[in-house]
Amino acid sequence: MAAWSEQIPLDQITAEARRIRFWRTVLTVLGGLLFGVGWLAAKGCGLVWLGVAWVAAALRIGWQEARRGAARTD
């Protein structure tokens, strides 16, 4: 067990850990979360817009087909 623990560079890990800044890390995580929320919102709005455009196109084509059918029966 002693040989295994001697292979771990504890001094280097400790020095690296001391260089990490708490508030900078918190702000980085918060920024990433906000970016993710914004990305999801953009994708959601895009899907909603596609749905609205699809419904509008379907209504327009249906209206035109109904008018064409009514013109044939008159």
N, C-alpha and C. Protein backbone atom coordinates (compact mmCIF):
# COMPACT_ATOMS: atom_id res chain seq x y z
N MET A 1 0.83 -1.20 0.00
CA MET A 1 0.00 0.00 0.00
C MET A 1 0.86 1.26 0.00
N ALA A 2 1.98 1.22 0.65
CA ALA A 2 2.86 2.39 0.71
C ALA A 2 3.43 2.71 -0.66
N ALA A 3 3.76 1.69 -1.44
CA ALA A 3 4.32 1.92 -2.78
C ALA A 3 3.30 2.59 -3.69
N TRP A 4 2.03 2.22 -3.54
CA TRP A 4 0.98 2.81 -4.36
C TRP A 4 0.79 4.28 -4.03
N SER A 5 0.78 4.62 -2.75
CA SER A 5 0.56 6.02 -2.36
C SER A 5 1.76 6.89 -2.66
N GLU A 6 2.93 6.30 -2.79
CA GLU A 6 4.12 7.08 -3.13
C GLU A 6 4.12 7.48 -4.60
N GLN A 7 3.37 6.79 -5.43
CA GLN A 7 3.31 7.11 -6.85
C GLN A 7 2.39 8.29 -7.15
N ILE A 8 1.56 8.64 -6.21
CA ILE A 8 0.62 9.75 -6.40
C ILE A 8 1.35 11.07 -6.09
N PRO A 9 1.35 12.03 -7.02
CA PRO A 9 2.05 13.31 -6.80
C PRO A 9 1.21 14.24 -5.91
N LEU A 10 1.21 14.00 -4.62
CA LEU A 10 0.37 14.77 -3.71
C LEU A 10 0.73 16.25 -3.68
N ASP A 11 2.00 16.57 -3.74
CA ASP A 11 2.41 17.98 -3.71
C ASP A 11 1.91 18.72 -4.95
N GLN A 12 1.99 18.07 -6.09
CA GLN A 12 1.52 18.70 -7.34
C GLN A 12 -0.01 18.87 -7.31
N ILE A 13 -0.72 17.87 -6.81
CA ILE A 13 -2.18 17.96 -6.70
C ILE A 13 -2.58 19.06 -5.74
N THR A 14 -1.88 19.16 -4.62
CA THR A 14 -2.18 20.21 -3.63
C THR A 14 -1.93 21.59 -4.21
N ALA A 15 -0.82 21.75 -4.92
CA ALA A 15 -0.51 23.05 -5.53
C ALA A 15 -1.55 23.42 -6.57
N GLU A 16 -1.98 22.45 -7.36
CA GLU A 16 -3.01 22.71 -8.38
C GLU A 16 -4.34 23.07 -7.74
N ALA A 17 -4.68 22.37 -6.67
CA ALA A 17 -5.95 22.63 -5.98
C ALA A 17 -5.96 24.02 -5.35
N ARG A 18 -4.82 24.47 -4.87
CA ARG A 18 -4.76 25.82 -4.27
C ARG A 18 -4.91 26.93 -5.31
N ARG A 19 -4.62 26.63 -6.58
CA ARG A 19 -4.75 27.64 -7.64
C ARG A 19 -6.20 27.83 -8.08
N ILE A 20 -7.06 26.92 -7.74
CA ILE A 20 -8.46 27.03 -8.14
C ILE A 20 -9.13 28.12 -7.31
N ARG A 21 -9.84 29.01 -7.99
CA ARG A 21 -10.53 30.13 -7.32
C ARG A 21 -12.01 29.79 -7.21
N PHE A 22 -12.53 29.82 -5.99
CA PHE A 22 -13.91 29.41 -5.73
C PHE A 22 -14.92 30.24 -6.52
N TRP A 23 -14.89 31.56 -6.39
CA TRP A 23 -15.92 32.40 -7.02
C TRP A 23 -15.81 32.38 -8.54
N ARG A 24 -14.61 32.26 -9.04
CA ARG A 24 -14.47 32.15 -10.50
C ARG A 24 -15.09 30.85 -11.00
N THR A 25 -14.90 29.79 -10.24
CA THR A 25 -15.50 28.51 -10.59
C THR A 25 -17.02 28.58 -10.52
N VAL A 26 -17.54 29.21 -9.47
CA VAL A 26 -18.99 29.36 -9.33
C VAL A 26 -19.56 30.16 -10.49
N LEU A 27 -18.90 31.26 -10.84
CA LEU A 27 -19.38 32.09 -11.94
C LEU A 27 -19.29 31.37 -13.29
N THR A 28 -18.27 30.55 -13.46
CA THR A 28 -18.13 29.77 -14.69
C THR A 28 -19.26 28.76 -14.81
N VAL A 29 -19.57 28.08 -13.71
CA VAL A 29 -20.67 27.10 -13.72
C VAL A 29 -21.99 27.81 -13.97
N LEU A 30 -22.21 28.94 -13.31
CA LEU A 30 -23.44 29.71 -13.49
C LEU A 30 -23.57 30.19 -14.93
N GLY A 31 -22.47 30.68 -15.50
CA GLY A 31 -22.50 31.11 -16.90
C GLY A 31 -22.83 29.95 -17.84
N GLY A 32 -22.26 28.78 -17.55
CA GLY A 32 -22.57 27.61 -18.37
C GLY A 32 -24.03 27.21 -18.27
N LEU A 33 -24.57 27.28 -17.06
CA LEU A 33 -25.99 26.95 -16.88
C LEU A 33 -26.88 27.94 -17.62
N LEU A 34 -26.57 29.22 -17.52
CA LEU A 34 -27.38 30.23 -18.22
C LEU A 34 -27.27 30.08 -19.73
N PHE A 35 -26.07 29.75 -20.21
CA PHE A 35 -25.90 29.50 -21.64
C PHE A 35 -26.76 28.32 -22.07
N GLY A 36 -26.75 27.26 -21.26
CA GLY A 36 -27.56 26.08 -21.58
C GLY A 36 -29.05 26.39 -21.59
N VAL A 37 -29.50 27.18 -20.63
CA VAL A 37 -30.91 27.57 -20.59
C VAL A 37 -31.26 28.40 -21.82
N GLY A 38 -30.38 29.32 -22.18
CA GLY A 38 -30.62 30.13 -23.38
C GLY A 38 -30.66 29.29 -24.64
N TRP A 39 -29.77 28.32 -24.73
CA TRP A 39 -29.74 27.44 -25.89
C TRP A 39 -31.03 26.63 -25.98
N LEU A 40 -31.46 26.09 -24.84
CA LEU A 40 -32.72 25.32 -24.83
C LEU A 40 -33.92 26.21 -25.17
N ALA A 41 -33.92 27.44 -24.67
CA ALA A 41 -35.01 28.37 -24.99
C ALA A 41 -35.03 28.68 -26.48
N ALA A 42 -33.86 28.87 -27.07
CA ALA A 42 -33.80 29.15 -28.51
C ALA A 42 -34.32 27.96 -29.32
N LYS A 43 -33.92 26.76 -28.92
CA LYS A 43 -34.41 25.56 -29.61
C LYS A 43 -35.92 25.41 -29.43
N GLY A 44 -36.41 25.68 -28.23
CA GLY A 44 -37.84 25.59 -27.97
C GLY A 44 -38.63 26.60 -28.79
N CYS A 45 -38.12 27.84 -28.84
CA CYS A 45 -38.80 28.87 -29.65
C CYS A 45 -38.77 28.50 -31.12
N GLY A 46 -37.67 27.91 -31.57
CA GLY A 46 -37.59 27.48 -32.96
C GLY A 46 -38.62 26.41 -33.28
N LEU A 47 -38.79 25.46 -32.36
CA LEU A 47 -39.79 24.41 -32.56
C LEU A 47 -41.21 24.97 -32.53
N VAL A 48 -41.45 25.90 -31.62
CA VAL A 48 -42.78 26.53 -31.56
C VAL A 48 -43.05 27.29 -32.85
N TRP A 49 -42.06 28.04 -33.33
CA TRP A 49 -42.23 28.79 -34.58
C TRP A 49 -42.50 27.84 -35.75
N LEU A 50 -41.77 26.73 -35.81
CA LEU A 50 -42.00 25.76 -36.87
C LEU A 50 -43.41 25.20 -36.79
N GLY A 51 -43.88 24.93 -35.58
CA GLY A 51 -45.25 24.43 -35.41
C GLY A 51 -46.28 25.44 -35.86
N VAL A 52 -46.08 26.70 -35.48
CA VAL A 52 -47.02 27.76 -35.88
C VAL A 52 -47.01 27.94 -37.40
N ALA A 53 -45.82 27.94 -37.99
CA ALA A 53 -45.73 28.09 -39.45
C ALA A 53 -46.37 26.90 -40.16
N TRP A 54 -46.17 25.70 -39.63
CA TRP A 54 -46.75 24.51 -40.23
C TRP A 54 -48.28 24.56 -40.18
N VAL A 55 -48.82 24.96 -39.03
CA VAL A 55 -50.28 25.08 -38.90
C VAL A 55 -50.81 26.14 -39.84
N ALA A 56 -50.11 27.27 -39.93
CA ALA A 56 -50.56 28.34 -40.84
C ALA A 56 -50.56 27.86 -42.30
N ALA A 57 -49.51 27.13 -42.69
CA ALA A 57 -49.45 26.62 -44.06
C ALA A 57 -50.56 25.60 -44.30
N ALA A 58 -50.82 24.74 -43.32
CA ALA A 58 -51.89 23.75 -43.47
C ALA A 58 -53.25 24.44 -43.59
N LEU A 59 -53.49 25.47 -42.79
CA LEU A 59 -54.75 26.20 -42.88
C LEU A 59 -54.91 26.87 -44.24
N ARG A 60 -53.83 27.47 -44.72
CA ARG A 60 -53.89 28.15 -46.02
C ARG A 60 -54.19 27.16 -47.15
N ILE A 61 -53.48 26.03 -47.15
CA ILE A 61 -53.70 25.03 -48.20
C ILE A 61 -55.10 24.44 -48.08
N GLY A 62 -55.55 24.18 -46.86
CA GLY A 62 -56.90 23.67 -46.66
C GLY A 62 -57.95 24.66 -47.13
N TRP A 63 -57.74 25.92 -46.84
CA TRP A 63 -58.68 26.97 -47.29
C TRP A 63 -58.73 27.03 -48.81
N GLN A 64 -57.56 26.97 -49.45
CA GLN A 64 -57.51 27.01 -50.92
C GLN A 64 -58.19 25.78 -51.53
N GLU A 65 -57.96 24.62 -50.96
CA GLU A 65 -58.60 23.40 -51.46
C GLU A 65 -60.11 23.46 -51.28
N ALA A 66 -60.57 24.01 -50.16
CA ALA A 66 -62.01 24.13 -49.93
C ALA A 66 -62.64 25.09 -50.93
N ARG A 67 -61.96 26.20 -51.23
CA ARG A 67 -62.48 27.15 -52.20
C ARG A 67 -62.51 26.54 -53.59
N ARG A 68 -61.48 25.75 -53.91
CA ARG A 68 -61.42 25.10 -55.21
C ARG A 68 -62.55 24.07 -55.34
N GLY A 69 -62.81 23.33 -54.27
CA GLY A 69 -63.89 22.36 -54.27
C GLY A 69 -65.26 23.02 -54.36
N ALA A 70 -65.44 24.16 -53.71
CA ALA A 70 -66.70 24.88 -53.76
C ALA A 70 -66.92 25.48 -55.14
N ALA A 71 -65.86 25.89 -55.82
CA ALA A 71 -65.98 26.46 -57.16
C ALA A 71 -66.39 25.37 -58.16
N ARG A 72 -65.96 24.14 -57.95
CA ARG A 72 -66.30 23.03 -58.86
C ARG A 72 -67.76 22.63 -58.72
N THR A 73 -68.30 22.71 -57.51
CA THR A 73 -69.67 22.27 -57.29
C THR A 73 -70.69 23.34 -57.70
N ASP A 74 -70.25 24.58 -57.83
CA ASP A 74 -71.21 25.65 -58.19
C ASP A 74 -71.56 25.66 -59.64
